[in-house]
Amino acid sequence: MEKKHGKIEGVGVKEGSSEKGPWKRWTFEIEGKKYSTFDNRIGEKFQVGDQVVIEGEQEGKYWNMKTMDYWDGKETTTPTQPAPNQTEKPETMLKQIYVELCTIRTILEDGKKRKD
């Protein structure tokens, strides 16, 4: 899940129908990336020029918007990027390093087996 803030640069709407009935897909362009949602509350609330914070998730080649709200001016970060001054517990960091080392070891051992 990606979380970021930015200015809405473009809004697109596409309508159609399926076996389930009519639908409307809203696409918002924020910092050059397009996020889509079928949530009419979001689609009707925001417009080009609004400063927003969004949470989106990539599914295949598309980005689906999970949430969007007006940006309050506070820093936002993607969950994969630690916030400034955020520190992890040493135990957590050691566990992550251990897992990474085990993964590297497995890859190296597999490569050695293939040579033999």
Protein backbone atom coordinates (compact mmCIF):
# COMPACT_ATOMS: atom_id res chain seq x y z
CA MET A 1 0.00 0.00 0.00
CA GLU A 2 1.37 3.39 -0.97
CA LYS A 3 0.51 6.55 0.94
CA LYS A 4 1.41 9.98 -0.37
CA HIS A 5 0.18 13.51 -0.74
CA GLY A 6 -0.02 15.74 -3.76
CA LYS A 7 -2.10 17.98 -5.93
CA ILE A 8 -4.81 16.52 -8.16
CA GLU A 9 -3.59 17.24 -11.70
CA GLY A 10 -6.44 15.61 -13.60
CA VAL A 11 -9.77 13.85 -13.11
CA GLY A 12 -11.42 11.43 -15.50
CA VAL A 13 -14.76 9.67 -15.35
CA LYS A 14 -15.82 6.59 -17.29
CA GLU A 15 -19.32 5.11 -17.10
CA GLY A 16 -20.61 1.77 -18.22
CA SER A 17 -22.78 -1.14 -17.25
CA SER A 18 -22.30 -4.80 -16.51
CA GLU A 19 -24.44 -7.69 -15.36
CA LYS A 20 -24.41 -6.09 -11.90
CA GLY A 21 -25.76 -2.81 -13.26
CA PRO A 22 -24.36 0.63 -14.08
CA TRP A 23 -20.97 1.73 -12.78
CA LYS A 24 -18.82 4.85 -12.73
CA ARG A 25 -15.02 4.78 -12.43
CA TRP A 26 -13.19 7.89 -11.31
CA THR A 27 -9.50 8.31 -12.17
CA PHE A 28 -7.38 10.90 -10.38
CA GLU A 29 -3.92 11.86 -11.58
CA ILE A 30 -1.61 12.81 -8.71
CA GLU A 31 2.10 13.50 -9.34
CA GLY A 32 1.91 11.81 -12.73
CA LYS A 33 0.37 8.57 -11.43
CA LYS A 34 -3.25 7.61 -12.05
CA TYR A 35 -5.37 6.12 -9.27
CA SER A 36 -8.87 4.74 -9.88
CA THR A 37 -11.89 4.23 -7.66
CA PHE A 38 -15.53 3.26 -8.06
CA ASP A 39 -16.44 5.17 -4.89
CA ASN A 40 -18.77 7.99 -5.98
CA ARG A 41 -18.33 9.79 -2.64
CA ILE A 42 -14.64 10.25 -3.41
CA GLY A 43 -15.25 11.01 -7.07
CA GLU A 44 -17.78 13.75 -6.44
CA LYS A 45 -15.92 15.34 -3.50
CA PHE A 46 -12.52 16.14 -5.06
CA GLN A 47 -11.48 18.19 -8.08
CA VAL A 48 -8.41 19.36 -9.98
CA GLY A 49 -6.17 21.54 -7.81
CA ASP A 50 -7.13 19.99 -4.46
CA GLN A 51 -4.23 19.03 -2.19
CA VAL A 52 -4.93 15.48 -1.00
CA VAL A 53 -3.42 12.52 0.76
CA ILE A 54 -4.17 9.15 -0.77
CA GLU A 55 -3.60 5.49 -0.08
CA GLY A 56 -3.36 3.34 -3.15
CA GLU A 57 -2.41 -0.19 -4.05
CA GLN A 58 -1.04 -1.54 -7.29
CA GLU A 59 -2.91 -4.48 -8.78
CA GLY A 60 -1.22 -5.57 -11.97
CA LYS A 61 -0.56 -2.47 -14.06
CA TYR A 62 -3.32 -0.43 -12.38
CA TRP A 63 -3.32 1.59 -9.15
CA ASN A 64 -6.49 1.34 -7.08
CA MET A 65 -7.28 4.09 -4.64
CA LYS A 66 -8.25 2.84 -1.19
CA THR A 67 -8.72 6.21 0.55
CA MET A 68 -8.41 9.90 -0.25
CA ASP A 69 -8.83 12.95 1.95
CA TYR A 70 -7.80 16.59 2.02
CA TRP A 71 -4.13 16.97 2.99
CA ASP A 72 -3.65 18.67 6.36
CA GLY A 73 -0.11 19.85 5.59
CA LYS A 74 1.61 17.19 7.72
CA GLU A 75 4.24 14.90 6.26
CA THR A 76 3.04 11.59 4.85
CA THR A 77 5.16 8.60 3.91
CA THR A 78 4.72 5.29 2.20
CA PRO A 79 4.66 2.47 4.77
CA THR A 80 7.80 1.01 3.16
CA GLN A 81 9.69 4.24 3.86
CA PRO A 82 10.30 5.01 7.53
CA ALA A 83 9.29 8.47 8.63
CA PRO A 84 12.10 10.84 9.59
CA ASN A 85 13.41 10.25 13.13
CA GLN A 86 11.57 6.92 13.30
CA THR A 87 13.71 4.26 14.92
CA GLU A 88 13.10 0.55 14.99
CA LYS A 89 13.89 -1.60 17.97
CA PRO A 90 17.29 -3.29 17.68
CA GLU A 91 15.63 -6.72 18.05
CA THR A 92 13.46 -6.06 15.02
CA MET A 93 16.41 -4.89 12.96
CA LEU A 94 18.44 -7.97 13.93
CA LYS A 95 15.60 -10.28 12.92
CA GLN A 96 15.34 -8.54 9.54
CA ILE A 97 19.10 -8.84 8.98
CA TYR A 98 19.02 -12.52 9.94
CA VAL A 99 16.22 -13.26 7.47
CA GLU A 100 18.07 -11.42 4.70
CA LEU A 101 21.30 -13.30 5.43
CA CYS A 102 19.48 -16.64 5.39
CA THR A 103 17.94 -15.73 2.03
CA ILE A 104 21.33 -14.81 0.60
CA ARG A 105 22.85 -18.03 1.91
CA THR A 106 20.09 -20.08 0.29
CA ILE A 107 20.60 -18.34 -3.04
CA LEU A 108 24.37 -18.90 -2.90
CA GLU A 109 23.95 -22.58 -1.98
CA ASP A 110 21.48 -23.11 -4.81
CA GLY A 111 23.91 -21.50 -7.25
CA LYS A 112 26.75 -23.72 -6.03
CA LYS A 113 24.62 -26.88 -6.42
CA ARG A 114 23.81 -25.95 -10.01
CA LYS A 115 27.53 -25.60 -10.84
CA ASP A 116 28.28 -29.03 -9.36
